[in-house]
Amino acid sequence: MTYLSTFPLSTPKNPTLPYVKLPEYD
């Protein structure tokens, strides 16, 4: 869950960490 807090959906500059990975960690 810390991953979501550290990397929210606001990662336009990080194409390597898209929002698709967020639900995976959730």
PDB file of N, CA and C in Angstrom:
ATOM      1  N   MET A   1       0.833  -1.208   0.000  1.00  0.00           N
ATOM      2  CA  MET A   1       0.000   0.000   0.000  1.00  0.00           C
ATOM      3  C   MET A   1       0.867   1.258   0.000  1.00  0.00           C
ATOM      4  N   THR A   2       2.075   1.108   0.491  1.00  0.00           N
ATOM      5  CA  THR A   2       2.980   2.258   0.520  1.00  0.00           C
ATOM      6  C   THR A   2       3.323   2.691  -0.895  1.00  0.00           C
ATOM      7  N   TYR A   3       3.328   1.721  -1.797  1.00  0.00           N
ATOM      8  CA  TYR A   3       3.661   2.016  -3.188  1.00  0.00           C
ATOM      9  C   TYR A   3       2.650   2.977  -3.792  1.00  0.00           C
ATOM     10  N   LEU A   4       1.398   2.797  -3.411  1.00  0.00           N
ATOM     11  CA  LEU A   4       0.347   3.669  -3.933  1.00  0.00           C
ATOM     12  C   LEU A   4       0.505   5.082  -3.405  1.00  0.00           C
ATOM     13  N   SER A   5       0.898   5.178  -2.150  1.00  0.00           N
ATOM     14  CA  SER A   5       1.048   6.496  -1.536  1.00  0.00           C
ATOM     15  C   SER A   5       2.269   7.222  -2.097  1.00  0.00           C
ATOM     16  N   THR A   6       3.310   6.449  -2.389  1.00  0.00           N
ATOM     17  CA  THR A   6       4.537   7.047  -2.908  1.00  0.00           C
ATOM     18  C   THR A   6       4.391   7.385  -4.383  1.00  0.00           C
ATOM     19  N   PHE A   7       3.680   6.531  -5.105  1.00  0.00           N
ATOM     20  CA  PHE A   7       3.488   6.756  -6.534  1.00  0.00           C
ATOM     21  C   PHE A   7       2.003   6.790  -6.878  1.00  0.00           C
ATOM     22  N   PRO A   8       1.391   7.951  -6.718  1.00  0.00           N
ATOM     23  CA  PRO A   8      -0.031   8.096  -7.039  1.00  0.00           C
ATOM     24  C   PRO A   8      -0.271   8.048  -8.546  1.00  0.00           C
ATOM     25  N   LEU A   9      -1.485   8.360  -8.957  1.00  0.00           N
ATOM     26  CA  LEU A   9      -1.807   8.345 -10.384  1.00  0.00           C
ATOM     27  C   LEU A   9      -1.130   9.487 -11.124  1.00  0.00           C
ATOM     28  N   SER A  10      -0.448  10.344 -10.393  1.00  0.00           N
ATOM     29  CA  SER A  10       0.233  11.476 -11.017  1.00  0.00           C
ATOM     30  C   SER A  10       1.665  11.111 -11.378  1.00  0.00           C
ATOM     31  N   THR A  11       1.810  10.301 -12.398  1.00  0.00           N
ATOM     32  CA  THR A  11       3.151   9.912 -12.827  1.00  0.00           C
ATOM     33  C   THR A  11       3.285  10.012 -14.342  1.00  0.00           C
ATOM     34  N   PRO A  12       3.049  11.194 -14.901  1.00  0.00           N
ATOM     35  CA  PRO A  12       3.150  11.392 -16.344  1.00  0.00           C
ATOM     36  C   PRO A  12       4.604  11.361 -16.813  1.00  0.00           C
ATOM     37  N   LYS A  13       5.515  11.715 -15.912  1.00  0.00           N
ATOM     38  CA  LYS A  13       6.935  11.739 -16.248  1.00  0.00           C
ATOM     39  C   LYS A  13       7.572  10.365 -16.052  1.00  0.00           C
ATOM     40  N   ASN A  14       6.810   9.446 -15.491  1.00  0.00           N
ATOM     41  CA  ASN A  14       7.327   8.096 -15.259  1.00  0.00           C
ATOM     42  C   ASN A  14       6.522   7.058 -16.040  1.00  0.00           C
ATOM     43  N   PRO A  15       6.821   6.903 -17.320  1.00  0.00           N
ATOM     44  CA  PRO A  15       6.108   5.928 -18.154  1.00  0.00           C
ATOM     45  C   PRO A  15       6.381   4.499 -17.701  1.00  0.00           C
ATOM     46  N   THR A  16       7.465   4.320 -16.948  1.00  0.00           N
ATOM     47  CA  THR A  16       7.811   2.982 -16.470  1.00  0.00           C
ATOM     48  C   THR A  16       6.907   2.577 -15.314  1.00  0.00           C
ATOM     49  N   LEU A  17       6.307   3.577 -14.647  1.00  0.00           N
ATOM     50  CA  LEU A  17       5.424   3.281 -13.522  1.00  0.00           C
ATOM     51  C   LEU A  17       4.035   3.854 -13.780  1.00  0.00           C
ATOM     52  N   PRO A  18       3.300   3.253 -14.688  1.00  0.00           N
ATOM     53  CA  PRO A  18       1.957   3.733 -15.019  1.00  0.00           C
ATOM     54  C   PRO A  18       0.955   3.391 -13.921  1.00  0.00           C
ATOM     55  N   TYR A  19      -0.229   3.946 -14.046  1.00  0.00           N
ATOM     56  CA  TYR A  19      -1.269   3.711 -13.043  1.00  0.00           C
ATOM     57  C   TYR A  19      -1.766   2.271 -13.086  1.00  0.00           C
ATOM     58  N   VAL A  20      -1.376   1.548 -14.137  1.00  0.00           N
ATOM     59  CA  VAL A  20      -1.794   0.155 -14.273  1.00  0.00           C
ATOM     60  C   VAL A  20      -1.160  -0.705 -13.180  1.00  0.00           C
ATOM     61  N   LYS A  21       0.005  -0.285 -12.714  1.00  0.00           N
ATOM     62  CA  LYS A  21       0.687  -1.064 -11.677  1.00  0.00           C
ATOM     63  C   LYS A  21       0.089  -0.792 -10.300  1.00  0.00           C
ATOM     64  N   LEU A  22      -0.557   0.337 -10.137  1.00  0.00           N
ATOM     65  CA  LEU A  22      -1.148   0.697  -8.850  1.00  0.00           C
ATOM     66  C   LEU A  22      -2.203  -0.310  -8.390  1.00  0.00           C
ATOM     67  N   PRO A  23      -3.200  -0.603  -9.205  1.00  0.00           N
ATOM     68  CA  PRO A  23      -4.223  -1.572  -8.797  1.00  0.00           C
ATOM     69  C   PRO A  23      -3.636  -2.960  -8.567  1.00  0.00           C
ATOM     70  N   GLU A  24      -2.510  -3.229  -9.225  1.00  0.00           N
ATOM     71  CA  GLU A  24      -1.877  -4.529  -9.058  1.00  0.00           C
ATOM     72  C   GLU A  24      -1.334  -4.687  -7.634  1.00  0.00           C
ATOM     73  N   TYR A  25      -0.801  -3.580  -7.095  1.00  0.00           N
ATOM     74  CA  TYR A  25      -0.253  -3.617  -5.743  1.00  0.00           C
ATOM     75  C   TYR A  25      -1.349  -3.471  -4.697  1.00  0.00           C
ATOM     76  N   ASP A  26      -2.435  -2.879  -5.103  1.00  0.00           N
ATOM     77  CA  ASP A  26      -3.533  -2.639  -4.177  1.00  0.00           C
ATOM     78  C   ASP A  26      -4.074  -3.955  -3.602  1.00  0.00           C
TER      79      ASP A  26
END
